Protein backbone atom coordinates (compact mmCIF):
# COMPACT_ATOMS: atom_id res chain seq x y z
CA MET A 1 76.19 59.78 152.34
CA ALA A 2 74.45 60.84 149.11
CA THR A 3 70.97 59.87 150.51
CA GLN A 4 71.60 61.24 154.00
CA GLU A 5 69.08 63.85 155.11
CA ILE A 6 70.90 66.90 156.40
CA TYR A 7 69.46 69.79 158.37
CA ILE A 8 71.52 72.95 158.65
CA ARG A 9 71.40 76.25 160.49
CA ASN A 10 73.72 79.04 161.45
CA ALA A 11 74.87 79.43 165.03
CA THR A 12 72.75 82.56 165.41
CA GLU A 13 69.60 80.91 164.06
CA THR A 14 67.03 78.90 165.96
CA GLU A 15 65.23 77.39 162.99
CA ALA A 16 66.79 74.70 160.84
CA ARG A 17 66.63 74.36 157.08
CA GLY A 18 66.27 71.07 155.31
CA PRO A 19 66.23 68.29 154.70
CA PHE A 20 69.02 68.42 152.09
CA ASN A 21 71.24 65.76 150.64
CA THR A 22 74.98 66.22 150.58
CA GLN A 23 75.06 67.41 146.95
CA GLN A 24 72.53 70.13 147.70
CA VAL A 25 74.53 71.28 150.71
CA ALA A 26 77.65 71.26 148.53
CA ASP A 27 75.82 73.45 145.99
CA LEU A 28 74.86 75.86 148.75
CA ALA A 29 78.47 75.96 149.87
CA GLU A 30 79.53 76.70 146.29
CA ALA A 31 77.05 79.59 146.27
CA GLY A 32 78.45 80.91 149.55
CA GLN A 33 75.33 80.21 151.62
CA VAL A 34 77.01 77.49 153.65
CA THR A 35 80.39 77.73 155.39
CA ALA A 36 82.57 75.31 157.31
CA ASP A 37 81.14 76.81 160.53
CA THR A 38 77.55 76.13 159.52
CA LEU A 39 75.86 73.75 161.98
CA VAL A 40 74.43 70.39 160.94
CA TYR A 41 72.23 68.12 163.02
CA ASP A 42 73.96 64.90 164.06
CA ALA A 43 71.19 62.34 164.55
CA SER A 44 73.51 59.92 166.32
CA THR A 45 74.31 62.37 169.13
CA GLU A 46 71.19 64.49 168.69
CA GLN A 47 73.38 67.59 168.70
CA TRP A 48 74.21 70.43 166.37
CA VAL A 49 77.85 70.40 165.29
CA ALA A 50 79.86 72.46 162.79
CA ILE A 51 80.47 70.93 159.39
CA ASN A 52 84.23 71.16 159.92
CA ALA A 53 83.84 68.84 162.91
CA ASN A 54 82.79 66.02 160.56
CA ALA A 55 85.74 65.10 158.35
CA ASP A 56 83.72 62.94 155.94
CA LEU A 57 81.03 65.57 155.48
CA MET A 58 83.64 68.28 155.16
CA ALA A 59 85.40 66.36 152.39
CA VAL A 60 82.15 66.03 150.41
CA ILE A 61 80.82 69.56 150.86
CA PHE A 62 84.17 71.38 150.64
CA PRO A 63 86.34 69.19 148.40
CA GLU A 64 89.91 70.34 147.98
CA LYS A 65 90.50 71.95 144.59
CA LYS A 66 93.72 71.29 142.77
CA LYS A 67 95.79 74.39 142.48
CA LEU A 68 97.28 75.13 139.08
CA ALA A 69 100.84 76.33 139.14
CA LEU A 70 103.42 76.96 136.48
CA LYS A 71 106.95 75.80 136.97
CA ALA A 72 109.40 78.66 137.00
CA LYS A 73 111.50 77.14 134.25
CA GLU A 74 108.46 76.97 131.93
CA ILE A 75 107.71 80.69 132.19
CA LYS A 76 109.24 82.64 129.35
CA THR A 77 109.07 86.37 128.83
CA LEU A 78 108.66 87.00 125.13
CA ASN A 79 109.58 90.66 125.27
CA LYS A 80 112.65 90.23 127.45
CA THR A 81 115.72 91.76 125.88
CA ASP A 82 118.68 89.48 125.39
CA ASP A 83 121.80 91.55 125.93
CA ASN A 84 123.85 88.97 124.01
CA ALA A 85 121.53 88.90 120.99
CA LYS A 86 122.91 90.26 117.74
CA PRO A 87 120.89 93.22 116.39
CA ILE A 88 118.79 92.40 113.32
CA THR A 89 119.70 94.42 110.24
CA VAL A 90 117.89 94.99 106.96
CA ASN A 91 120.30 92.59 105.26
CA ASP A 92 119.44 89.93 107.84
CA MET A 93 115.74 90.31 107.03
CA LEU A 94 116.41 90.12 103.28
CA ASP A 95 118.57 87.03 103.73
CA ALA A 96 115.80 85.41 105.79
CA ALA A 97 113.22 86.19 103.10
CA GLU A 98 115.50 84.68 100.45
CA GLY A 99 116.18 81.52 102.49
CA LYS A 100 119.86 82.28 103.04
CA THR A 101 119.92 81.93 106.84
CA ASP A 102 120.21 78.70 108.83
CA ASP A 103 116.63 79.04 110.11
CA THR A 104 115.09 79.79 106.71
CA LYS A 105 117.25 77.63 104.44
CA GLY A 106 114.99 75.93 101.92
CA LYS A 107 112.08 78.24 102.80
CA SER A 108 112.72 81.18 100.45
CA ASP A 109 109.83 83.43 99.52
CA PRO A 110 108.34 82.19 96.18
CA ALA A 111 107.53 85.78 95.21
CA ILE A 112 111.22 86.73 95.36
CA ALA A 113 112.18 83.75 93.19
CA MET A 114 109.52 84.73 90.66
CA MET A 115 110.76 88.33 90.59
CA ARG A 116 114.31 87.15 89.94
CA ALA A 117 113.16 84.89 87.10
CA ALA A 118 111.15 87.75 85.59
CA ARG A 119 114.23 89.97 85.83
CA VAL A 120 116.35 87.43 83.97
CA GLY A 121 113.62 87.17 81.32
CA MET A 122 113.54 90.94 80.88
CA ILE A 123 117.32 91.18 80.54
CA GLY A 124 117.25 88.37 77.97
CA ALA A 125 114.55 90.17 75.99
CA ILE A 126 116.52 93.46 76.01
CA VAL A 127 119.71 91.82 74.75
CA ALA A 128 117.74 89.84 72.15
CA PHE A 129 116.12 93.03 70.81
CA VAL A 130 119.48 94.78 70.55
CA ALA A 131 120.95 91.79 68.72
CA ALA A 132 117.96 91.59 66.36
CA ALA A 133 118.11 95.33 65.65
CA ALA A 134 121.79 95.07 64.75
CA GLY A 135 121.08 92.47 62.08
CA GLU A 136 118.10 94.43 60.75
CA ILE A 137 119.67 97.90 60.66
CA LEU A 138 123.40 97.48 60.00
CA PRO A 139 123.02 95.90 56.52
CA ALA A 140 120.85 98.90 55.55
CA THR A 141 122.98 101.64 57.09
CA GLU A 142 123.63 103.31 53.74
CA ALA A 143 119.93 103.38 52.88
CA LEU A 144 119.05 104.68 56.33
CA LEU A 145 121.59 107.51 56.17
CA SER A 146 120.53 108.53 52.67
CA MET A 147 116.88 108.65 53.69
CA ASP A 148 116.08 107.64 50.12
CA PRO A 149 112.55 106.14 50.12
CA ALA A 150 113.41 103.80 47.23
CA LYS A 151 116.42 102.41 49.08
CA LEU A 152 114.49 102.12 52.34
CA LEU A 153 111.71 100.16 50.63
CA ALA A 154 114.35 97.76 49.39
CA GLN A 155 115.32 97.13 53.04
CA PRO A 156 111.97 96.34 54.74
CA LEU A 157 113.62 95.08 57.94
CA VAL A 158 114.98 98.55 58.81
CA LEU A 159 111.65 99.64 60.28
CA LEU A 160 111.48 96.43 62.34
CA GLY A 161 115.01 97.13 63.58
CA LEU A 162 114.01 100.61 64.77
CA ILE A 163 111.02 99.12 66.57
CA ASP A 164 113.25 96.51 68.20
CA LEU A 165 115.60 99.25 69.43
CA ALA A 166 112.63 101.11 70.90
CA PHE A 167 111.50 97.94 72.67
CA ALA A 168 114.99 97.43 74.09
CA ALA A 169 115.11 101.01 75.40
CA LEU A 170 111.66 100.88 77.00
CA LEU A 171 112.27 97.50 78.61
CA GLY A 172 115.56 98.85 79.93
CA LEU A 173 113.47 101.47 81.75
CA GLY A 174 111.50 98.65 83.41
CA MET A 175 108.30 98.97 81.36
CA SER A 176 107.13 95.37 81.65
CA THR A 177 103.66 96.53 80.55
CA LEU A 178 104.99 96.28 76.99
CA TYR A 179 105.13 92.50 77.24
CA GLN A 180 101.95 92.08 75.22
CA PHE A 181 103.59 93.96 72.33
CA VAL A 182 106.79 91.95 72.80
CA ARG A 183 104.74 88.78 72.38
CA PHE A 184 103.24 90.21 69.20
CA ARG A 185 106.78 90.93 67.98
CA ALA A 186 107.74 87.33 68.74
CA ALA A 187 104.73 86.09 66.78
CA LEU A 188 105.73 88.38 63.93
CA GLY A 189 109.19 86.82 63.94
CA LEU A 190 107.65 83.36 63.71
CA GLY A 191 105.14 84.36 61.07
CA LEU A 192 106.09 87.11 58.67
CA VAL A 193 109.87 87.10 59.09
CA GLY A 194 109.99 83.31 59.23
CA PHE A 195 107.94 83.05 56.04
CA MET A 196 110.24 85.54 54.33
CA PHE A 197 113.28 83.38 55.06
CA TYR A 198 111.36 80.26 54.05
CA ALA A 199 110.31 81.81 50.72
CA GLN A 200 113.88 82.86 49.99
CA GLY A 201 115.20 79.38 50.70
CA MET A 202 117.19 80.36 53.78
CA PRO A 203 116.58 77.48 56.25
CA ILE A 204 119.38 78.43 58.66
CA HIS A 205 117.99 81.96 58.94
CA LEU A 206 114.53 80.47 59.47
CA ILE A 207 115.69 78.18 62.28
CA ALA A 208 117.53 81.04 64.03
CA ALA A 209 114.46 83.28 63.72
CA VAL A 210 112.20 80.56 65.17
CA ILE A 211 114.52 79.87 68.12
CA GLY A 212 114.97 83.57 68.85
CA SER A 213 111.24 84.33 68.59
CA VAL A 214 110.20 81.43 70.82
CA GLY A 215 112.84 82.41 73.37
CA LEU A 216 111.67 86.04 73.22
CA TYR A 217 108.09 85.00 73.90
CA LEU A 218 109.07 82.77 76.82
CA CYS A 219 111.10 85.62 78.33
CA THR A 220 107.81 87.46 78.92
CA VAL A 221 106.02 84.59 80.66
CA ALA A 222 108.72 82.72 82.57
CA VAL A 223 108.33 82.84 86.38
CA GLN A 224 110.76 80.01 87.22
CA MET A 225 114.50 80.51 87.04
CA PRO A 226 115.36 77.45 84.87
CA VAL A 227 112.71 78.42 82.31
CA ALA A 228 113.79 82.07 82.36
CA LEU A 229 117.44 81.15 81.81
CA ALA A 230 116.59 78.79 78.96
CA ALA A 231 114.32 81.41 77.36
CA ALA A 232 116.97 84.13 77.65
CA LEU A 233 119.63 81.89 76.10
CA ALA A 234 117.30 80.93 73.25
CA ALA A 235 116.27 84.53 72.59
CA VAL A 236 119.78 85.96 72.67
CA GLY A 237 121.35 83.00 70.88
CA GLY A 238 118.72 82.84 68.15
CA MET A 239 118.54 86.58 67.49
CA GLY A 240 122.31 86.97 67.79
CA TYR A 241 123.03 84.19 65.31
CA LEU A 242 120.39 85.52 62.91
CA SER A 243 121.96 88.98 63.04
CA TRP A 244 125.39 87.52 62.35
CA LEU A 245 124.00 85.66 59.34
CA MET A 246 122.29 88.82 58.00
CA ILE A 247 125.35 91.02 58.49
CA SER A 248 127.82 88.52 57.02
CA THR A 249 125.80 87.73 53.89
């Protein structure tokens, strides 16, 4: 069939075209130049017959094309309103972002977890500053109220206490941009204040100052909840215990 020489013409024509092979005639049919009513010359009968009269030729030139169809049950309308669906609220969206729903459990937004850890770190730093200021200012209350320069010079930690109170107030207003100064304050607690306790032979004070200062520093960098909690406990515990030691002695 592929090597068969085919001559074609329309019923209204007197001149034939060809010879063509079946693939060429099929290409012409694809281009719309040949129809099922187009005449082909049948050498066996020496007559012109329509292509649709020859089943084999018809199958080659006009092959049946598979029709694509979608099953009704597979068609889904995405924007179709479900009358039984529960309306989505803002709380639902927040719960989904935090991984509290059945569909999002274990898939909480990392950014939200980091924000919570940072919040815990900030609260720990605020409480630690208040505790530190208490131990630095309360023992020198008399000198502070008298505003006597000689008495104030004898209590060098008063100025540090006032700075710590200012840090606590500003952090309470959400000014996390002060963290670089908070880290400097933590380094000061490790360095200058720690050396002062070391020189005076006060090892317990020194240990409390180191723990509190390290915790204070970590409060400004922690982005994971376990680290933030540990840092807050160290900062508050260390500074609180140091203040208790300074007030009671």
